[in-house]
PDB file of N, CA and C in Angstrom:
ATOM      1  N   MET A   1     109.758  98.787 101.038  1.00  0.00           N
ATOM      2  CA  MET A   1     108.679  98.834 100.016  1.00  0.00           C
ATOM      3  C   MET A   1     109.173  97.734  99.070  1.00  0.00           C
ATOM      4  N   ARG A   2     108.465  96.711  98.853  1.00  0.00           N
ATOM      5  CA  ARG A   2     108.713  95.563  97.838  1.00  0.00           C
ATOM      6  C   ARG A   2     108.136  96.060  96.529  1.00  0.00           C
ATOM      7  N   LEU A   3     108.883  95.864  95.413  1.00  0.00           N
ATOM      8  CA  LEU A   3     108.338  95.934  94.093  1.00  0.00           C
ATOM      9  C   LEU A   3     107.542  97.188  93.914  1.00  0.00           C
ATOM     10  N   PRO A   4     108.082  98.365  94.095  1.00  0.00           N
ATOM     11  CA  PRO A   4     107.269  99.635  94.040  1.00  0.00           C
ATOM     12  C   PRO A   4     106.786  99.978  92.681  1.00  0.00           C
ATOM     13  N   ARG A   5     105.723 100.469  92.604  1.00  0.00           N
ATOM     14  CA  ARG A   5     105.198 101.017  91.271  1.00  0.00           C
ATOM     15  C   ARG A   5     104.483 102.360  91.405  1.00  0.00           C
ATOM     16  N   GLU A   6     104.858 103.096  90.278  1.00  0.00           N
ATOM     17  CA  GLU A   6     104.275 104.587  90.302  1.00  0.00           C
ATOM     18  C   GLU A   6     102.946 104.426  89.374  1.00  0.00           C
ATOM     19  N   PHE A   7     102.042 105.113  89.601  1.00  0.00           N
ATOM     20  CA  PHE A   7     100.775 105.210  88.836  1.00  0.00           C
ATOM     21  C   PHE A   7     100.015 106.473  89.369  1.00  0.00           C
ATOM     22  N   GLU A   8      99.073 106.728  88.427  1.00  0.00           N
ATOM     23  CA  GLU A   8      98.254 107.774  88.663  1.00  0.00           C
ATOM     24  C   GLU A   8      96.978 107.415  89.446  1.00  0.00           C
ATOM     25  N   LEU A   9      96.661 108.066  90.537  1.00  0.00           N
ATOM     26  CA  LEU A   9      95.556 107.724  91.416  1.00  0.00           C
ATOM     27  C   LEU A   9      94.442 108.942  91.222  1.00  0.00           C
ATOM     28  N   GLU A  10      93.429 108.646  90.612  1.00  0.00           N
ATOM     29  CA  GLU A  10      92.205 109.507  90.465  1.00  0.00           C
ATOM     30  C   GLU A  10      91.523 109.944  91.706  1.00  0.00           C
ATOM     31  N   ALA A  11      90.816 111.103  91.711  1.00  0.00           N
ATOM     32  CA  ALA A  11      90.283 111.366  93.051  1.00  0.00           C
ATOM     33  C   ALA A  11      89.238 110.437  93.634  1.00  0.00           C
ATOM     34  N   ASP A  12      88.307 109.823  92.666  1.00  0.00           N
ATOM     35  CA  ASP A  12      87.388 108.987  93.081  1.00  0.00           C
ATOM     36  C   ASP A  12      88.065 107.585  93.588  1.00  0.00           C
ATOM     37  N   ALA A  13      89.123 107.264  93.050  1.00  0.00           N
ATOM     38  CA  ALA A  13      90.000 106.071  93.601  1.00  0.00           C
ATOM     39  C   ALA A  13      90.421 106.282  94.899  1.00  0.00           C
ATOM     40  N   ARG A  14      91.050 107.508  95.109  1.00  0.00           N
ATOM     41  CA  ARG A  14      91.595 108.000  96.423  1.00  0.00           C
ATOM     42  C   ARG A  14      90.567 107.922  97.434  1.00  0.00           C
ATOM     43  N   MET A  15      89.285 108.436  97.081  1.00  0.00           N
ATOM     44  CA  MET A  15      88.179 108.454  98.037  1.00  0.00           C
ATOM     45  C   MET A  15      87.877 107.071  98.502  1.00  0.00           C
ATOM     46  N   ALA A  16      87.812 106.043  97.413  1.00  0.00           N
ATOM     47  CA  ALA A  16      87.375 104.633  97.764  1.00  0.00           C
ATOM     48  C   ALA A  16      88.419 103.994  98.662  1.00  0.00           C
ATOM     49  N   LEU A  17      89.705 104.263  98.364  1.00  0.00           N
ATOM     50  CA  LEU A  17      90.738 103.738  99.181  1.00  0.00           C
ATOM     51  C   LEU A  17      90.721 104.225 100.510  1.00  0.00           C
ATOM     52  N   ALA A  18      90.529 105.587 100.643  1.00  0.00           N
ATOM     53  CA  ALA A  18      90.345 106.311 101.958  1.00  0.00           C
ATOM     54  C   ALA A  18      89.331 105.616 102.866  1.00  0.00           C
ATOM     55  N   GLN A  19      88.150 105.339 102.245  1.00  0.00           N
ATOM     56  CA  GLN A  19      87.157 104.678 102.879  1.00  0.00           C
ATOM     57  C   GLN A  19      87.500 103.212 103.466  1.00  0.00           C
ATOM     58  N   ILE A  20      88.283 102.527 102.595  1.00  0.00           N
ATOM     59  CA  ILE A  20      88.630 101.121 103.053  1.00  0.00           C
ATOM     60  C   ILE A  20      89.743 101.160 104.119  1.00  0.00           C
ATOM     61  N   LEU A  21      90.627 102.213 104.043  1.00  0.00           N
ATOM     62  CA  LEU A  21      91.552 102.439 105.068  1.00  0.00           C
ATOM     63  C   LEU A  21      91.027 102.955 106.429  1.00  0.00           C
ATOM     64  N   GLY A  22      89.939 103.740 106.269  1.00  0.00           N
ATOM     65  CA  GLY A  22      89.197 104.176 107.423  1.00  0.00           C
ATOM     66  C   GLY A  22      88.581 103.057 108.158  1.00  0.00           C
ATOM     67  N   ILE A  23      87.958 102.192 107.403  1.00  0.00           N
ATOM     68  CA  ILE A  23      87.316 100.909 108.122  1.00  0.00           C
ATOM     69  C   ILE A  23      88.423 100.113 108.657  1.00  0.00           C
ATOM     70  N   MET A  24      89.561  99.918 108.110  1.00  0.00           N
ATOM     71  CA  MET A  24      90.710  99.106 108.655  1.00  0.00           C
ATOM     72  C   MET A  24      91.271  99.798 109.824  1.00  0.00           C
ATOM     73  N   THR A  25      91.387 101.124 109.919  1.00  0.00           N
ATOM     74  CA  THR A  25      91.899 101.856 111.025  1.00  0.00           C
ATOM     75  C   THR A  25      90.957 101.775 112.163  1.00  0.00           C
ATOM     76  N   ASP A  26      89.607 101.894 111.926  1.00  0.00           N
ATOM     77  CA  ASP A  26      88.599 101.763 113.045  1.00  0.00           C
ATOM     78  C   ASP A  26      88.651 100.388 113.579  1.00  0.00           C
ATOM     79  N   GLN A  27      88.831  99.387 112.723  1.00  0.00           N
ATOM     80  CA  GLN A  27      89.026  98.018 113.273  1.00  0.00           C
ATOM     81  C   GLN A  27      90.310  97.826 114.193  1.00  0.00           C
ATOM     82  N   ALA A  28      91.281  98.266 113.738  1.00  0.00           N
ATOM     83  CA  ALA A  28      92.599  98.231 114.394  1.00  0.00           C
ATOM     84  C   ALA A  28      92.595  98.991 115.638  1.00  0.00           C
ATOM     85  N   MET A  29      91.857 100.110 115.701  1.00  0.00           N
ATOM     86  CA  MET A  29      91.798 100.938 116.912  1.00  0.00           C
ATOM     87  C   MET A  29      90.635 100.577 117.822  1.00  0.00           C
ATOM     88  N   SER A  30      90.009  99.472 117.556  1.00  0.00           N
ATOM     89  CA  SER A  30      88.776  99.090 118.336  1.00  0.00           C
ATOM     90  C   SER A  30      89.219  98.345 119.618  1.00  0.00           C
ATOM     91  N   GLY A  31      90.420  98.017 119.699  1.00  0.00           N
ATOM     92  CA  GLY A  31      90.859  97.321 120.967  1.00  0.00           C
ATOM     93  C   GLY A  31      90.716  95.634 120.748  1.00  0.00           C
ATOM     94  N   ASP A  32      89.990  95.302 119.763  1.00  0.00           N
ATOM     95  CA  ASP A  32      89.921  93.939 119.337  1.00  0.00           C
ATOM     96  C   ASP A  32      91.290  93.400 118.792  1.00  0.00           C
ATOM     97  N   PRO A  33      91.646  92.270 118.941  1.00  0.00           N
ATOM     98  CA  PRO A  33      92.809  91.783 118.070  1.00  0.00           C
ATOM     99  C   PRO A  33      92.515  91.850 116.655  1.00  0.00           C
ATOM    100  N   THR A  34      93.520  92.447 115.841  1.00  0.00           N
ATOM    101  CA  THR A  34      93.415  92.627 114.527  1.00  0.00           C
ATOM    102  C   THR A  34      94.750  92.418 113.765  1.00  0.00           C
ATOM    103  N   ARG A  35      94.631  92.120 112.617  1.00  0.00           N
ATOM    104  CA  ARG A  35      95.827  91.785 111.846  1.00  0.00           C
ATOM    105  C   ARG A  35      96.661  93.050 111.222  1.00  0.00           C
ATOM    106  N   TRP A  36      95.939  94.261 111.484  1.00  0.00           N
ATOM    107  CA  TRP A  36      96.339  95.412 110.881  1.00  0.00           C
ATOM    108  C   TRP A  36      96.983  96.380 112.050  1.00  0.00           C
ATOM    109  N   ASP A  37      98.131  96.996 111.612  1.00  0.00           N
ATOM    110  CA  ASP A  37      98.906  97.985 112.595  1.00  0.00           C
ATOM    111  C   ASP A  37      98.569  99.245 112.065  1.00  0.00           C
ATOM    112  N   VAL A  38      98.124 100.059 113.063  1.00  0.00           N
ATOM    113  CA  VAL A  38      97.714 101.410 112.680  1.00  0.00           C
ATOM    114  C   VAL A  38      98.763 102.215 112.101  1.00  0.00           C
ATOM    115  N   GLY A  39     100.117 101.978 112.650  1.00  0.00           N
ATOM    116  CA  GLY A  39     101.149 102.724 112.068  1.00  0.00           C
ATOM    117  C   GLY A  39     101.338 102.323 110.475  1.00  0.00           C
ATOM    118  N   ARG A  40     101.230 101.139 110.257  1.00  0.00           N
ATOM    119  CA  ARG A  40     101.402 100.642 108.878  1.00  0.00           C
ATOM    120  C   ARG A  40     100.338 101.290 107.858  1.00  0.00           C
ATOM    121  N   LEU A  41      99.068 101.346 108.426  1.00  0.00           N
ATOM    122  CA  LEU A  41      97.954 101.916 107.736  1.00  0.00           C
ATOM    123  C   LEU A  41      98.231 103.471 107.516  1.00  0.00           C
ATOM    124  N   MET A  42      98.719 104.190 108.440  1.00  0.00           N
ATOM    125  CA  MET A  42      99.096 105.534 108.330  1.00  0.00           C
ATOM    126  C   MET A  42     100.094 105.703 107.283  1.00  0.00           C
ATOM    127  N   GLU A  43     100.965 104.762 107.181  1.00  0.00           N
ATOM    128  CA  GLU A  43     102.229 104.826 106.142  1.00  0.00           C
ATOM    129  C   GLU A  43     101.502 104.815 104.750  1.00  0.00           C
ATOM    130  N   VAL A  44     100.608 103.792 104.534  1.00  0.00           N
ATOM    131  CA  VAL A  44     100.066 103.721 103.313  1.00  0.00           C
ATOM    132  C   VAL A  44      99.029 104.878 102.971  1.00  0.00           C
ATOM    133  N   GLU A  45      98.357 105.273 103.901  1.00  0.00           N
ATOM    134  CA  GLU A  45      97.710 106.591 103.807  1.00  0.00           C
ATOM    135  C   GLU A  45      98.576 107.759 103.092  1.00  0.00           C
ATOM    136  N   ALA A  46      99.632 108.019 103.652  1.00  0.00           N
ATOM    137  CA  ALA A  46     100.607 108.945 103.363  1.00  0.00           C
ATOM    138  C   ALA A  46     101.046 108.825 101.929  1.00  0.00           C
ATOM    139  N   ARG A  47     101.501 107.487 101.545  1.00  0.00           N
ATOM    140  CA  ARG A  47     101.927 107.169 100.230  1.00  0.00           C
ATOM    141  C   ARG A  47     100.844 107.453  99.264  1.00  0.00           C
ATOM    142  N   LEU A  48      99.573 107.262  99.564  1.00  0.00           N
ATOM    143  CA  LEU A  48      98.471 107.490  98.666  1.00  0.00           C
ATOM    144  C   LEU A  48      97.865 109.020  98.615  1.00  0.00           C
ATOM    145  N   GLY A  49      98.616 109.705  99.398  1.00  0.00           N
ATOM    146  CA  GLY A  49      98.090 111.195  99.559  1.00  0.00           C
ATOM    147  C   GLY A  49      96.788 111.329 100.205  1.00  0.00           C
ATOM    148  N   ILE A  50      96.461 110.406 101.063  1.00  0.00           N
ATOM    149  CA  ILE A  50      95.080 110.332 101.679  1.00  0.00           C
ATOM    150  C   ILE A  50      95.046 111.128 102.965  1.00  0.00           C
ATOM    151  N   THR A  51      94.088 111.940 103.136  1.00  0.00           N
ATOM    152  CA  THR A  51      93.786 112.445 104.461  1.00  0.00           C
ATOM    153  C   THR A  51      92.329 112.046 104.870  1.00  0.00           C
ATOM    154  N   LEU A  52      92.424 111.172 105.916  1.00  0.00           N
ATOM    155  CA  LEU A  52      91.122 110.682 106.456  1.00  0.00           C
ATOM    156  C   LEU A  52      90.190 111.824 106.999  1.00  0.00           C
ATOM    157  N   GLY A  53      88.982 111.687 106.694  1.00  0.00           N
ATOM    158  CA  GLY A  53      88.159 112.729 107.118  1.00  0.00           C
ATOM    159  C   GLY A  53      87.848 113.783 106.073  1.00  0.00           C
ATOM    160  N   VAL A  54      88.702 113.728 105.048  1.00  0.00           N
ATOM    161  CA  VAL A  54      88.612 114.619 103.955  1.00  0.00           C
ATOM    162  C   VAL A  54      88.390 113.788 102.768  1.00  0.00           C
ATOM    163  N   ASP A  55      89.393 113.115 102.396  1.00  0.00           N
ATOM    164  CA  ASP A  55      89.192 112.173 101.180  1.00  0.00           C
ATOM    165  C   ASP A  55      88.123 111.130 101.285  1.00  0.00           C
ATOM    166  N   ASP A  56      87.897 110.583 102.444  1.00  0.00           N
ATOM    167  CA  ASP A  56      86.905 109.574 102.434  1.00  0.00           C
ATOM    168  C   ASP A  56      85.463 110.190 102.462  1.00  0.00           C
ATOM    169  N   THR A  57      85.160 111.423 102.510  1.00  0.00           N
ATOM    170  CA  THR A  57      84.007 111.998 102.383  1.00  0.00           C
ATOM    171  C   THR A  57      83.834 112.535 101.045  1.00  0.00           C
ATOM    172  N   GLY A  58      84.851 112.522 100.119  1.00  0.00           N
ATOM    173  CA  GLY A  58      84.717 113.261  98.864  1.00  0.00           C
ATOM    174  C   GLY A  58      84.979 114.504  98.981  1.00  0.00           C
ATOM    175  N   GLN A  59      85.465 115.121  99.994  1.00  0.00           N
ATOM    176  CA  GLN A  59      85.766 116.494 100.017  1.00  0.00           C
ATOM    177  C   GLN A  59      87.181 116.883  99.703  1.00  0.00           C
ATOM    178  N   GLY A  60      88.006 115.947  99.314  1.00  0.00           N
ATOM    179  CA  GLY A  60      89.359 116.130  99.170  1.00  0.00           C
ATOM    180  C   GLY A  60      89.649 116.751  97.769  1.00  0.00           C
ATOM    181  N   PRO A  61      90.898 116.916  97.405  1.00  0.00           N
ATOM    182  CA  PRO A  61      91.234 117.441  96.024  1.00  0.00           C
ATOM    183  C   PRO A  61      90.496 116.596  94.966  1.00  0.00           C
ATOM    184  N   THR A  62      90.208 117.349  93.960  1.00  0.00           N
ATOM    185  CA  THR A  62      89.448 116.686  92.762  1.00  0.00           C
ATOM    186  C   THR A  62      90.429 116.201  91.621  1.00  0.00           C
ATOM    187  N   GLU A  63      91.618 116.572  91.719  1.00  0.00           N
ATOM    188  CA  GLU A  63      92.724 116.239  90.715  1.00  0.00           C
ATOM    189  C   GLU A  63      93.318 114.871  90.994  1.00  0.00           C
ATOM    190  N   SER A  64      93.783 114.182  89.888  1.00  0.00           N
ATOM    191  CA  SER A  64      94.486 113.076  90.063  1.00  0.00           C
ATOM    192  C   SER A  64      96.008 113.348  90.531  1.00  0.00           C
ATOM    193  N   ILE A  65      96.519 112.420  91.380  1.00  0.00           N
ATOM    194  CA  ILE A  65      98.037 112.523  91.799  1.00  0.00           C
ATOM    195  C   ILE A  65      98.776 111.225  91.336  1.00  0.00           C
ATOM    196  N   ASP A  66      99.988 111.250  91.313  1.00  0.00           N
ATOM    197  CA  ASP A  66     100.884 110.349  91.083  1.00  0.00           C
ATOM    198  C   ASP A  66     101.506 109.630  92.389  1.00  0.00           C
ATOM    199  N   VAL A  67     101.285 108.416  92.585  1.00  0.00           N
ATOM    200  CA  VAL A  67     101.510 107.855  93.914  1.00  0.00           C
ATOM    201  C   VAL A  67     102.572 106.712  93.539  1.00  0.00           C
ATOM    202  N   THR A  68     103.265 106.263  94.584  1.00  0.00           N
ATOM    203  CA  THR A  68     104.169 104.982  94.467  1.00  0.00           C
ATOM    204  C   THR A  68     103.902 104.227  95.688  1.00  0.00           C
ATOM    205  N   ILE A  69     103.369 102.982  95.301  1.00  0.00           N
ATOM    206  CA  ILE A  69     103.187 102.001  96.468  1.00  0.00           C
ATOM    207  C   ILE A  69     103.881 100.634  96.203  1.00  0.00           C
ATOM    208  N   GLY A  70     104.326  99.924  97.098  1.00  0.00           N
ATOM    209  CA  GLY A  70     104.725  98.552  96.871  1.00  0.00           C
ATOM    210  C   GLY A  70     103.593  97.546  97.011  1.00  0.00           C
ATOM    211  N   ILE A  71     104.119  96.385  96.423  1.00  0.00           N
ATOM    212  CA  ILE A  71     103.105  95.158  96.246  1.00  0.00           C
ATOM    213  C   ILE A  71     102.574  94.897  97.709  1.00  0.00           C
ATOM    214  N   ASP A  72     103.397  95.095  98.756  1.00  0.00           N
ATOM    215  CA  ASP A  72     102.839  94.893 100.050  1.00  0.00           C
ATOM    216  C   ASP A  72     101.759  95.863 100.505  1.00  0.00           C
ATOM    217  N   ASP A  73     101.869  97.022  99.926  1.00  0.00           N
ATOM    218  CA  ASP A  73     100.726  97.917 100.257  1.00  0.00           C
ATOM    219  C   ASP A  73      99.530  97.676  99.623  1.00  0.00           C
ATOM    220  N   ALA A  74      99.814  97.103  98.150  1.00  0.00           N
ATOM    221  CA  ALA A  74      98.490  96.750  97.603  1.00  0.00           C
ATOM    222  C   ALA A  74      97.828  95.579  98.237  1.00  0.00           C
ATOM    223  N   ALA A  75      98.699  94.590  98.670  1.00  0.00           N
ATOM    224  CA  ALA A  75      98.155  93.501  99.345  1.00  0.00           C
ATOM    225  C   ALA A  75      97.268  93.752 100.609  1.00  0.00           C
ATOM    226  N   LEU A  76      97.992  94.753 101.275  1.00  0.00           N
ATOM    227  CA  LEU A  76      97.254  95.174 102.382  1.00  0.00           C
ATOM    228  C   LEU A  76      95.868  95.859 102.056  1.00  0.00           C
ATOM    229  N   LEU A  77      95.806  96.644 101.171  1.00  0.00           N
ATOM    230  CA  LEU A  77      94.612  97.324 100.575  1.00  0.00           C
ATOM    231  C   LEU A  77      93.586  96.117 100.221  1.00  0.00           C
ATOM    232  N   LEU A  78      94.140  95.093  99.521  1.00  0.00           N
ATOM    233  CA  LEU A  78      93.242  94.159  99.156  1.00  0.00           C
ATOM    234  C   LEU A  78      92.584  93.374 100.268  1.00  0.00           C
ATOM    235  N   ASP A  79      93.448  93.117 101.192  1.00  0.00           N
ATOM    236  CA  ASP A  79      92.893  92.452 102.662  1.00  0.00           C
ATOM    237  C   ASP A  79      91.862  93.358 103.169  1.00  0.00           C
ATOM    238  N   GLY A  80      92.029  94.642 103.206  1.00  0.00           N
ATOM    239  CA  GLY A  80      91.005  95.543 103.836  1.00  0.00           C
ATOM    240  C   GLY A  80      89.702  95.546 102.900  1.00  0.00           C
ATOM    241  N   MET A  81      89.906  95.525 101.583  1.00  0.00           N
ATOM    242  CA  MET A  81      88.796  95.438 100.865  1.00  0.00           C
ATOM    243  C   MET A  81      87.933  93.996 101.009  1.00  0.00           C
ATOM    244  N   ALA A  82      88.627  92.976 101.209  1.00  0.00           N
ATOM    245  CA  ALA A  82      87.997  91.631 101.392  1.00  0.00           C
ATOM    246  C   ALA A  82      87.237  91.720 102.757  1.00  0.00           C
ATOM    247  N   TYR A  83      87.923  92.255 103.734  1.00  0.00           N
ATOM    248  CA  TYR A  83      87.366  92.442 104.967  1.00  0.00           C
ATOM    249  C   TYR A  83      85.990  93.157 104.859  1.00  0.00           C
ATOM    250  N   THR A  84      86.123  94.353 104.262  1.00  0.00           N
ATOM    251  CA  THR A  84      85.053  95.237 104.066  1.00  0.00           C
ATOM    252  C   THR A  84      83.769  94.440 103.410  1.00  0.00           C
ATOM    253  N   GLU A  85      84.153  93.594 102.440  1.00  0.00           N
ATOM    254  CA  GLU A  85      83.105  92.858 101.610  1.00  0.00           C
ATOM    255  C   GLU A  85      82.345  91.743 102.671  1.00  0.00           C
ATOM    256  N   ILE A  86      83.290  91.155 103.179  1.00  0.00           N
ATOM    257  CA  ILE A  86      82.738  90.131 104.296  1.00  0.00           C
ATOM    258  C   ILE A  86      81.900  90.783 105.416  1.00  0.00           C
ATOM    259  N   ALA A  87      82.317  92.031 105.955  1.00  0.00           N
ATOM    260  CA  ALA A  87      81.598  92.618 106.886  1.00  0.00           C
ATOM    261  C   ALA A  87      80.323  93.308 106.516  1.00  0.00           C
ATOM    262  N   SER A  88      80.141  93.493 105.243  1.00  0.00           N
ATOM    263  CA  SER A  88      79.018  94.248 104.661  1.00  0.00           C
ATOM    264  C   SER A  88      78.005  93.178 103.973  1.00  0.00           C
ATOM    265  N   ALA A  89      78.162  91.814 104.162  1.00  0.00           N
ATOM    266  CA  ALA A  89      77.527  90.722 103.673  1.00  0.00           C
ATOM    267  C   ALA A  89      76.029  90.992 103.898  1.00  0.00           C
ATOM    268  N   ASP A  90      75.587  91.257 105.013  1.00  0.00           N
ATOM    269  CA  ASP A  90      74.090  91.411 105.320  1.00  0.00           C
ATOM    270  C   ASP A  90      73.468  92.717 105.083  1.00  0.00           C
ATOM    271  N   LEU A  91      74.132  93.705 104.547  1.00  0.00           N
ATOM    272  CA  LEU A  91      73.739  95.012 104.309  1.00  0.00           C
ATOM    273  C   LEU A  91      72.891  94.904 102.956  1.00  0.00           C
ATOM    274  N   PRO A  92      71.952  95.957 102.671  1.00  0.00           N
ATOM    275  CA  PRO A  92      71.253  95.939 101.579  1.00  0.00           C
ATOM    276  C   PRO A  92      71.962  96.391 100.371  1.00  0.00           C
ATOM    277  N   TRP A  93      73.151  96.990 100.479  1.00  0.00           N
ATOM    278  CA  TRP A  93      74.019  97.539  99.458  1.00  0.00           C
ATOM    279  C   TRP A  93      75.147  96.691  99.093  1.00  0.00           C
ATOM    280  N   ILE A  94      75.055  95.255  99.398  1.00  0.00           N
ATOM    281  CA  ILE A  94      76.134  94.390  99.198  1.00  0.00           C
ATOM    282  C   ILE A  94      76.563  94.332  97.786  1.00  0.00           C
ATOM    283  N   ASP A  95      75.607  94.395  96.921  1.00  0.00           N
ATOM    284  CA  ASP A  95      76.096  94.238  95.466  1.00  0.00           C
ATOM    285  C   ASP A  95      76.876  95.343  95.051  1.00  0.00           C
ATOM    286  N   MET A  96      76.643  96.577  95.651  1.00  0.00           N
ATOM    287  CA  MET A  96      77.643  97.690  95.307  1.00  0.00           C
ATOM    288  C   MET A  96      78.895  97.456  95.957  1.00  0.00           C
ATOM    289  N   VAL A  97      78.975  96.880  97.115  1.00  0.00           N
ATOM    290  CA  VAL A  97      80.289  96.659  97.818  1.00  0.00           C
ATOM    291  C   VAL A  97      81.019  95.535  96.952  1.00  0.00           C
ATOM    292  N   ARG A  98      80.339  94.512  96.536  1.00  0.00           N
ATOM    293  CA  ARG A  98      80.987  93.572  95.663  1.00  0.00           C
ATOM    294  C   ARG A  98      81.472  94.184  94.321  1.00  0.00           C
ATOM    295  N   TRP A  99      80.728  94.977  93.693  1.00  0.00           N
ATOM    296  CA  TRP A  99      81.271  95.699  92.513  1.00  0.00           C
ATOM    297  C   TRP A  99      82.484  96.416  92.779  1.00  0.00           C
ATOM    298  N   THR A 100      82.260  97.234  93.851  1.00  0.00           N
ATOM    299  CA  THR A 100      83.526  97.938  94.309  1.00  0.00           C
ATOM    300  C   THR A 100      84.823  97.121  94.627  1.00  0.00           C
ATOM    301  N   ALA A 101      84.529  96.073  95.292  1.00  0.00           N
ATOM    302  CA  ALA A 101      85.717  95.069  95.766  1.00  0.00           C
ATOM    303  C   ALA A 101      86.334  94.497  94.391  1.00  0.00           C
ATOM    304  N   ASP A 102      85.526  94.090  93.424  1.00  0.00           N
ATOM    305  CA  ASP A 102      86.085  93.629  92.187  1.00  0.00           C
ATOM    306  C   ASP A 102      86.870  94.914  91.397  1.00  0.00           C
ATOM    307  N   PHE A 103      86.176  95.992  91.357  1.00  0.00           N
ATOM    308  CA  PHE A 103      86.962  97.062  90.685  1.00  0.00           C
ATOM    309  C   PHE A 103      88.291  97.475  91.301  1.00  0.00           C
ATOM    310  N   VAL A 104      88.251  97.596  92.653  1.00  0.00           N
ATOM    311  CA  VAL A 104      89.424  98.019  93.447  1.00  0.00           C
ATOM    312  C   VAL A 104      90.522  96.970  93.166  1.00  0.00           C
ATOM    313  N   SER A 105      90.029  95.558  93.345  1.00  0.00           N
ATOM    314  CA  SER A 105      91.080  94.485  93.289  1.00  0.00           C
ATOM    315  C   SER A 105      91.735  94.519  91.723  1.00  0.00           C
ATOM    316  N   THR A 106      90.899  94.607  90.821  1.00  0.00           N
ATOM    317  CA  THR A 106      91.348  94.711  89.483  1.00  0.00           C
ATOM    318  C   THR A 106      92.321  95.839  89.193  1.00  0.00           C
ATOM    319  N   GLU A 107      91.986  96.933  89.773  1.00  0.00           N
ATOM    320  CA  GLU A 107      92.821  98.105  89.533  1.00  0.00           C
ATOM    321  C   GLU A 107      94.118  98.125  90.171  1.00  0.00           C
ATOM    322  N   LEU A 108      94.186  97.431  91.396  1.00  0.00           N
ATOM    323  CA  LEU A 108      95.360  97.406  92.215  1.00  0.00           C
ATOM    324  C   LEU A 108      96.175  96.270  91.664  1.00  0.00           C
ATOM    325  N   ARG A 109      95.671  95.114  91.374  1.00  0.00           N
ATOM    326  CA  ARG A 109      96.436  93.992  90.954  1.00  0.00           C
ATOM    327  C   ARG A 109      97.086  94.204  89.770  1.00  0.00           C
ATOM    328  N   ARG A 110      96.634  94.901  88.712  1.00  0.00           N
ATOM    329  CA  ARG A 110      97.112  95.036  87.320  1.00  0.00           C
ATOM    330  C   ARG A 110      98.535  95.764  87.309  1.00  0.00           C
ATOM    331  N   HIS A 111      98.965  96.229  88.378  1.00  0.00           N
ATOM    332  CA  HIS A 111     100.377  96.917  88.413  1.00  0.00           C
ATOM    333  C   HIS A 111     101.358  95.968  88.608  1.00  0.00           C
ATOM    334  N   TRP A 112     101.025  94.668  89.010  1.00  0.00           N
ATOM    335  CA  TRP A 112     102.033  93.748  89.161  1.00  0.00           C
ATOM    336  C   TRP A 112     101.768  92.357  88.467  1.00  0.00           C
ATOM    337  N   THR A 113     102.663  91.645  88.048  1.00  0.00           N
ATOM    338  CA  THR A 113     102.420  90.323  87.298  1.00  0.00           C
ATOM    339  C   THR A 113     101.972  89.369  88.278  1.00  0.00           C
ATOM    340  N   ASP A 114     101.320  88.333  87.557  1.00  0.00           N
ATOM    341  CA  ASP A 114     100.804  87.093  88.475  1.00  0.00           C
ATOM    342  C   ASP A 114     102.063  86.426  89.230  1.00  0.00           C
ATOM    343  N   ASP A 115     103.206  86.366  88.504  1.00  0.00           N
ATOM    344  CA  ASP A 115     104.333  85.936  89.106  1.00  0.00           C
ATOM    345  C   ASP A 115     104.787  86.760  90.428  1.00  0.00           C
ATOM    346  N   GLU A 116     104.687  88.055  90.390  1.00  0.00           N
ATOM    347  CA  GLU A 116     105.117  88.914  91.413  1.00  0.00           C
ATOM    348  C   GLU A 116     104.043  88.678  92.607  1.00  0.00           C
ATOM    349  N   TRP A 117     102.784  88.581  92.224  1.00  0.00           N
ATOM    350  CA  TRP A 117     101.770  88.280  93.274  1.00  0.00           C
ATOM    351  C   TRP A 117     102.050  86.954  93.870  1.00  0.00           C
ATOM    352  N   LEU A 118     102.465  86.001  93.131  1.00  0.00           N
ATOM    353  CA  LEU A 118     102.657  84.598  93.622  1.00  0.00           C
ATOM    354  C   LEU A 118     103.785  84.658  94.669  1.00  0.00           C
ATOM    355  N   SER A 119     104.799  85.525  94.232  1.00  0.00           N
ATOM    356  CA  SER A 119     106.043  85.482  95.097  1.00  0.00           C
ATOM    357  C   SER A 119     105.664  86.126  96.492  1.00  0.00           C
ATOM    358  N   ILE A 120     104.919  87.042  96.701  1.00  0.00           N
ATOM    359  CA  ILE A 120     104.631  87.574  97.950  1.00  0.00           C
ATOM    360  C   ILE A 120     103.684  86.629  98.593  1.00  0.00           C
ATOM    361  N   ALA A 121     102.800  85.862  97.879  1.00  0.00           N
ATOM    362  CA  ALA A 121     101.869  84.978  98.633  1.00  0.00           C
ATOM    363  C   ALA A 121     102.696  83.784  99.285  1.00  0.00           C
ATOM    364  N   ALA A 122     103.914  83.519  98.754  1.00  0.00           N
ATOM    365  CA  ALA A 122     104.907  82.325  99.186  1.00  0.00           C
ATOM    366  C   ALA A 122     105.507  82.783 100.318  1.00  0.00           C
ATOM    367  N   THR A 123     105.502  84.198 100.828  1.00  0.00           N
ATOM    368  CA  THR A 123     106.229  84.706 102.015  1.00  0.00           C
ATOM    369  C   THR A 123     105.377  84.749 103.246  1.00  0.00           C
TER     370      THR A 123
END
């Protein structure tokens, strides 16, 4: 895990990330070529304390938890959020998806500096 950061993850944020990871996992398991590895997605779920089928429906714990993720984990989540936004372009609720994408991106990106983000983009 590169450049790990520990921060508090609220229940609503965990639910949103669970939905993103669920979409990514569905895509990875569809049999179509994908850029996401199911095992890697499961590792990120575990680090975020996410249980798919529980947290993604809002039925999970209501308290905040402390999590530690690396910048690579955050980049993976941002990639999944971008995919979700593109896949939702024709849906009537696209404005809500865009707002969520902006919010999730801002919340994840703020834990690392611009220079740190640039360093992983170069690899």
